[in-house]
Amino acid sequence: MSDDAGDAGATDDPEPEENISGGAAGGGEAAVFEPAEAESRAEAVVDRLGELYWQKAYGGRDGFECLVRTVLSQNTSDVASQPAHDSLMERYGPGGEDEARSASERTSGEQSDPRVGGPDLAESLAAADQQRLAETISAAGLYNQKSERIVALAERICEEYGGAAGFDEFVKTGDPEEVRSALLDMNGVGPKTADCVLLFSGGRGGVFPVDTHVHRIARRMGLAPADADHEGVREALEREVPAEKCGFGHTAMIQFGREYCKARKPACLDDPEACPLVDLCDQVGVTPATGDVVDPAESVGE
């Protein structure tokens, strides 16, 4: 998704559909958390974001599809990765064109290509021709690397969990630390991808995935050390934000980064009052008087 805000979704789900982390296809549902005195500044920030954007409880997405969707979103925008995801599901998902073609071939007595879709997405992708998959997801960028990664992940899911259904059960019912450890052991799955699967599929509380927006904003606001890496930011936020608020804190903070707290030109540069969170922000690395903006880590020791 671009830095511009998306259009509002349905009235019962205010999250923009363009946000690949949520929206109509993101799982979860609108929720309201009773207001209370925030016990930390990080919680106060998340509460304010909830008032500004949305409060939601996440969970319910298919575990393997969520994993694939997050891989497609790596190093690209939602605008690019969403069409790639849709094309992949149209071809390889249940009821996809490859499954229909396979059924037609069986009915007509023709030889069925073993590398075609079936009811299980993991089985379908494990048997996929990588070059054809790469062409299918080309909109996401880095499609050769991502197609190779997706096929390898699908093969492993089939081998270790018997397919997408078994993996989905593991994600939703397994010990969260064991699930996260298993995900991180998979090639091409980093902390953010693992945490997105835990949150959007498993519905696990206390999981605050950290992408580039969250990493920048948390350090700029002083919610995490200025020189913290992604894991350091995650640990700080999960320690200070109540478990039930971490999910919408993640998606709402991303939206805030797209609208207000942009990397090169945060809203407070021109007018402090333009930012709805200015009273909660340390402005680490941002100097409105001079217009200078640097990565928070570069301001350490100044």
Protein backbone atom coordinates (compact mmCIF):
# COMPACT_ATOMS: atom_id res chain seq x y z
CA MET A 1 0.00 0.00 0.00
CA SER A 2 1.16 3.54 -0.66
CA ASP A 3 1.67 6.20 1.99
CA ASP A 4 -1.84 7.45 1.34
CA ALA A 5 -4.62 6.18 3.55
CA GLY A 6 -6.93 3.54 2.14
CA ASP A 7 -10.66 3.93 1.79
CA ALA A 8 -12.66 2.86 4.78
CA GLY A 9 -14.12 -0.62 4.66
CA ALA A 10 -17.53 -1.74 5.87
CA THR A 11 -18.97 0.05 8.87
CA ASP A 12 -18.40 -2.97 11.11
CA ASP A 13 -14.78 -3.25 9.95
CA PRO A 14 -13.20 0.20 9.66
CA GLU A 15 -9.83 -1.15 8.58
CA PRO A 16 -8.98 -0.36 4.94
CA GLU A 17 -9.30 -3.38 2.68
CA GLU A 18 -6.03 -2.36 1.02
CA ASN A 19 -4.13 -3.22 4.20
CA ILE A 20 -2.93 -6.76 3.54
CA SER A 21 -2.62 -7.30 7.28
CA GLY A 22 -6.36 -6.99 7.73
CA GLY A 23 -9.35 -5.60 5.95
CA ALA A 24 -12.08 -7.80 4.55
CA ALA A 25 -9.66 -10.66 3.81
CA GLY A 26 -7.60 -10.27 6.94
CA GLY A 27 -9.63 -12.23 9.43
CA GLY A 28 -10.54 -11.05 12.87
CA GLU A 29 -13.39 -8.76 13.78
CA ALA A 30 -14.01 -5.30 15.11
CA ALA A 31 -13.69 -5.15 18.88
CA VAL A 32 -14.03 -2.55 21.60
CA PHE A 33 -11.74 -2.54 24.59
CA GLU A 34 -13.03 -0.78 27.67
CA PRO A 35 -11.13 2.46 28.26
CA ALA A 36 -8.87 2.46 31.29
CA GLU A 37 -5.89 4.36 32.59
CA ALA A 38 -2.92 3.32 30.44
CA GLU A 39 -0.16 1.75 32.50
CA SER A 40 2.60 2.71 30.06
CA ARG A 41 3.21 5.32 27.38
CA ALA A 42 3.26 2.55 24.77
CA GLU A 43 -0.23 1.50 25.86
CA ALA A 44 -1.37 5.14 25.73
CA VAL A 45 -0.06 5.36 22.15
CA VAL A 46 -1.91 2.21 21.13
CA ASP A 47 -5.09 3.44 22.81
CA ARG A 48 -4.86 6.70 20.87
CA LEU A 49 -4.26 4.77 17.64
CA GLY A 50 -7.34 2.69 18.41
CA GLU A 51 -9.42 5.86 18.75
CA LEU A 52 -7.92 7.24 15.54
CA TYR A 53 -8.27 4.10 13.42
CA TRP A 54 -9.68 0.83 14.72
CA GLN A 55 -9.74 -1.72 17.49
CA LYS A 56 -9.82 -5.30 16.29
CA ALA A 57 -9.29 -8.81 17.54
CA TYR A 58 -7.41 -10.83 14.92
CA GLY A 59 -7.21 -14.51 14.11
CA GLY A 60 -8.95 -17.07 11.95
CA ARG A 61 -7.02 -16.90 8.69
CA ASP A 62 -5.76 -20.17 7.24
CA GLY A 63 -2.25 -20.73 8.59
CA PHE A 64 -0.51 -21.74 5.38
CA GLU A 65 -2.26 -19.14 3.23
CA CYS A 66 -1.26 -16.53 5.81
CA LEU A 67 2.35 -17.72 5.58
CA VAL A 68 2.30 -17.54 1.78
CA ARG A 69 0.64 -14.14 1.82
CA THR A 70 3.26 -12.76 4.19
CA VAL A 71 6.12 -14.14 2.07
CA LEU A 72 4.60 -12.39 -0.94
CA SER A 73 4.52 -9.12 1.01
CA GLN A 74 8.22 -9.22 1.88
CA ASN A 75 10.19 -6.26 0.47
CA THR A 76 7.21 -4.87 -1.40
CA SER A 77 3.99 -2.92 -0.91
CA ASP A 78 0.46 -4.20 -0.44
CA VAL A 79 -0.39 -2.69 -3.82
CA ALA A 80 2.05 -5.14 -5.43
CA SER A 81 1.59 -8.18 -3.20
CA GLN A 82 -2.22 -8.23 -3.10
CA PRO A 83 -2.65 -8.96 -6.85
CA ALA A 84 0.07 -11.61 -6.61
CA HIS A 85 -1.79 -13.30 -3.75
CA ASP A 86 -5.08 -13.16 -5.65
CA SER A 87 -3.49 -14.65 -8.78
CA LEU A 88 -1.87 -17.42 -6.75
CA MET A 89 -5.16 -18.37 -5.10
CA GLU A 90 -7.05 -18.25 -8.41
CA ARG A 91 -4.58 -20.72 -9.92
CA TYR A 92 -3.54 -22.96 -7.01
CA GLY A 93 -6.17 -22.53 -4.33
CA PRO A 94 -9.25 -24.73 -3.79
CA GLY A 95 -11.47 -24.34 -6.82
CA GLY A 96 -8.66 -22.63 -8.73
CA GLU A 97 -8.15 -22.92 -12.46
CA ASP A 98 -5.53 -25.66 -12.15
CA GLU A 99 -7.86 -27.79 -10.05
CA ALA A 100 -10.67 -27.25 -12.54
CA ARG A 101 -8.34 -28.12 -15.42
CA SER A 102 -7.21 -31.25 -13.64
CA ALA A 103 -10.82 -32.37 -13.06
CA SER A 104 -11.68 -31.72 -16.70
CA GLU A 105 -8.73 -33.82 -17.86
CA ARG A 106 -9.74 -36.68 -15.60
CA THR A 107 -13.32 -36.55 -16.90
CA SER A 108 -12.20 -36.57 -20.51
CA GLY A 109 -9.73 -39.38 -19.89
CA GLU A 110 -6.74 -37.22 -20.70
CA GLN A 111 -3.43 -37.51 -18.85
CA SER A 112 -3.54 -35.28 -15.78
CA ASP A 113 -0.56 -33.08 -15.11
CA PRO A 114 0.63 -33.96 -11.58
CA ARG A 115 1.74 -30.36 -11.06
CA VAL A 116 -1.74 -28.86 -10.80
CA GLY A 117 -3.97 -27.51 -8.08
CA GLY A 118 -5.96 -29.50 -5.57
CA PRO A 119 -8.12 -28.93 -2.51
CA ASP A 120 -5.07 -28.48 -0.27
CA LEU A 121 -3.08 -25.32 -1.01
CA ALA A 122 0.16 -26.75 0.39
CA GLU A 123 -0.11 -29.88 -1.77
CA SER A 124 -0.92 -27.72 -4.77
CA LEU A 125 2.09 -25.47 -4.31
CA ALA A 126 4.44 -28.31 -3.39
CA ALA A 127 3.67 -29.82 -6.79
CA ALA A 128 3.73 -26.53 -8.67
CA ASP A 129 6.10 -25.79 -11.52
CA GLN A 130 8.29 -23.06 -10.07
CA GLN A 131 8.56 -21.05 -13.28
CA ARG A 132 4.80 -21.04 -13.72
CA LEU A 133 4.36 -20.01 -10.09
CA ALA A 134 6.91 -17.22 -10.58
CA GLU A 135 4.91 -15.89 -13.52
CA THR A 136 1.73 -16.08 -11.45
CA ILE A 137 3.15 -13.98 -8.59
CA SER A 138 5.27 -11.62 -10.72
CA ALA A 139 3.38 -8.56 -9.44
CA ALA A 140 4.97 -9.05 -6.01
CA GLY A 141 8.55 -8.55 -7.24
CA LEU A 142 11.48 -10.88 -6.47
CA TYR A 143 9.18 -13.51 -7.95
CA ASN A 144 11.86 -16.10 -8.74
CA GLN A 145 13.15 -16.04 -5.17
CA LYS A 146 9.66 -15.98 -3.68
CA SER A 147 8.35 -18.79 -5.89
CA GLU A 148 11.30 -20.99 -4.93
CA ARG A 149 10.72 -20.17 -1.28
CA ILE A 150 6.98 -20.89 -1.46
CA VAL A 151 7.46 -24.26 -3.13
CA ALA A 152 10.05 -25.25 -0.52
CA LEU A 153 7.77 -24.15 2.32
CA ALA A 154 4.86 -26.07 0.83
CA GLU A 155 6.97 -29.22 0.55
CA ARG A 156 8.02 -28.90 4.18
CA ILE A 157 4.46 -28.27 5.36
CA CYS A 158 3.29 -31.39 3.55
CA GLU A 159 6.16 -33.47 4.90
CA GLU A 160 5.93 -32.33 8.53
CA TYR A 161 2.22 -31.55 8.97
CA GLY A 162 0.52 -33.57 6.24
CA GLY A 163 -0.65 -30.47 4.42
CA ALA A 164 -2.24 -27.10 5.01
CA ALA A 165 -4.93 -28.39 7.39
CA GLY A 166 -2.40 -29.99 9.73
CA PHE A 167 -0.25 -26.88 9.71
CA ASP A 168 -3.27 -24.69 10.41
CA GLU A 169 -4.15 -26.80 13.46
CA PHE A 170 -0.56 -26.54 14.71
CA VAL A 171 -0.57 -22.75 14.34
CA LYS A 172 -3.91 -22.33 16.10
CA THR A 173 -3.48 -24.84 18.94
CA GLY A 174 0.26 -25.36 19.42
CA ASP A 175 2.32 -23.69 22.12
CA PRO A 176 3.02 -20.16 20.78
CA GLU A 177 6.75 -20.37 21.46
CA GLU A 178 6.95 -23.75 19.73
CA VAL A 179 4.99 -22.41 16.75
CA ARG A 180 7.23 -19.35 16.50
CA SER A 181 10.38 -21.49 16.79
CA ALA A 182 9.14 -23.88 14.08
CA LEU A 183 8.33 -20.97 11.76
CA LEU A 184 11.70 -19.31 12.31
CA ASP A 185 13.37 -22.60 11.41
CA MET A 186 11.84 -22.42 7.94
CA ASN A 187 13.94 -20.92 5.16
CA GLY A 188 12.94 -17.36 4.37
CA VAL A 189 10.75 -16.91 7.45
CA GLY A 190 11.92 -14.10 9.71
CA PRO A 191 10.49 -12.76 12.96
CA LYS A 192 7.94 -10.46 11.30
CA THR A 193 6.59 -13.24 9.08
CA ALA A 194 6.39 -15.66 12.01
CA ASP A 195 4.60 -13.11 14.17
CA CYS A 196 2.11 -12.26 11.41
CA VAL A 197 1.18 -15.95 11.15
CA LEU A 198 0.79 -16.18 14.94
CA LEU A 199 -1.39 -13.07 15.00
CA PHE A 200 -3.55 -13.25 11.89
CA SER A 201 -3.98 -17.02 11.78
CA GLY A 202 -3.48 -18.13 15.36
CA GLY A 203 -5.14 -15.11 16.92
CA ARG A 204 -2.47 -15.10 19.60
CA GLY A 205 -2.51 -12.23 22.04
CA GLY A 206 0.68 -10.47 23.02
CA VAL A 207 2.14 -10.67 19.50
CA PHE A 208 3.22 -7.32 18.03
CA PRO A 209 4.80 -7.88 14.58
CA VAL A 210 7.42 -5.30 13.70
CA ASP A 211 7.70 -4.07 10.11
CA THR A 212 9.58 -1.01 8.88
CA HIS A 213 6.82 1.37 9.97
CA VAL A 214 6.58 -0.05 13.50
CA HIS A 215 10.37 -0.16 13.82
CA ARG A 216 10.68 3.50 12.83
CA ILE A 217 7.75 4.85 14.84
CA ALA A 218 8.42 3.02 18.11
CA ARG A 219 12.00 4.31 18.20
CA ARG A 220 11.09 7.80 16.99
CA MET A 221 8.44 8.11 19.70
CA GLY A 222 10.77 6.77 22.38
CA LEU A 223 8.77 3.60 23.02
CA ALA A 224 11.89 1.51 22.38
CA PRO A 225 15.61 2.29 22.49
CA ALA A 226 16.71 4.45 19.56
CA ASP A 227 19.24 1.83 18.43
CA ALA A 228 17.00 -1.21 18.95
CA ASP A 229 16.76 -3.72 16.12
CA HIS A 230 13.43 -5.21 15.06
CA GLU A 231 13.54 -7.83 17.81
CA GLY A 232 14.39 -5.20 20.40
CA VAL A 233 11.39 -3.13 19.36
CA ARG A 234 9.13 -6.19 19.44
CA GLU A 235 10.26 -7.09 22.95
CA ALA A 236 9.73 -3.53 24.18
CA LEU A 237 6.23 -3.24 22.73
CA GLU A 238 5.10 -6.69 23.84
CA ARG A 239 6.35 -5.92 27.34
CA GLU A 240 4.54 -2.57 27.60
CA VAL A 241 1.32 -3.14 25.63
CA PRO A 242 -1.46 -5.41 27.00
CA ALA A 243 -1.73 -8.67 25.08
CA GLU A 244 -5.21 -7.99 23.70
CA LYS A 245 -4.11 -4.63 22.23
CA CYS A 246 -0.97 -5.78 20.40
CA GLY A 247 -2.75 -6.93 17.25
CA PHE A 248 -4.57 -3.75 16.37
CA GLY A 249 -1.61 -1.79 17.70
CA HIS A 250 0.45 -3.33 14.90
CA THR A 251 -1.97 -2.62 12.04
CA ALA A 252 -3.01 0.81 13.31
CA MET A 253 0.62 1.87 13.78
CA ILE A 254 1.31 0.90 10.17
CA GLN A 255 -1.58 3.09 9.05
CA PHE A 256 -0.28 5.93 11.24
CA GLY A 257 3.12 5.59 9.57
CA ARG A 258 1.55 5.87 6.14
CA GLU A 259 -0.53 8.92 7.01
CA TYR A 260 1.45 10.90 9.56
CA CYS A 261 4.79 9.52 10.73
CA LYS A 262 6.44 9.03 7.34
CA ALA A 263 10.10 8.16 7.08
CA ARG A 264 11.36 11.34 5.41
CA LYS A 265 8.65 13.88 6.19
CA PRO A 266 6.67 13.29 9.38
CA ALA A 267 3.66 15.56 9.83
CA CYS A 268 5.19 17.32 12.85
CA LEU A 269 7.88 18.94 10.68
CA ASP A 270 5.52 21.56 9.31
CA ASP A 271 3.11 21.80 12.21
CA PRO A 272 3.32 19.93 15.54
CA GLU A 273 -0.45 20.11 15.86
CA ALA A 274 -0.80 18.17 12.59
CA CYS A 275 0.16 14.97 14.41
CA PRO A 276 -2.49 13.44 16.69
CA LEU A 277 0.21 11.75 18.80
CA VAL A 278 2.60 14.69 19.23
CA ASP A 279 2.02 14.90 23.00
CA LEU A 280 3.16 11.28 23.39
CA CYS A 281 6.21 11.51 21.13
CA ASP A 282 9.88 12.13 21.98
CA GLN A 283 10.63 13.04 18.33
CA VAL A 284 13.90 11.07 18.44
CA GLY A 285 15.84 11.94 15.28
CA VAL A 286 13.32 14.63 14.25
CA THR A 287 14.18 18.32 14.60
CA PRO A 288 11.25 20.49 13.49
CA ALA A 289 13.24 23.71 14.02
CA THR A 290 15.72 22.77 11.30
CA GLY A 291 13.65 20.29 9.32
CA ASP A 292 16.25 17.56 9.88
CA VAL A 293 15.09 13.94 10.00
CA VAL A 294 17.48 11.07 10.67
CA ASP A 295 17.08 7.46 11.72
CA PRO A 296 16.64 7.43 15.52
CA ALA A 297 19.78 5.29 15.85
CA GLU A 298 21.83 8.09 14.32
CA SER A 299 20.77 10.45 17.10
CA VAL A 300 22.23 8.25 19.86
CA GLY A 301 25.04 10.05 21.69
CA GLU A 302 24.26 13.46 20.23
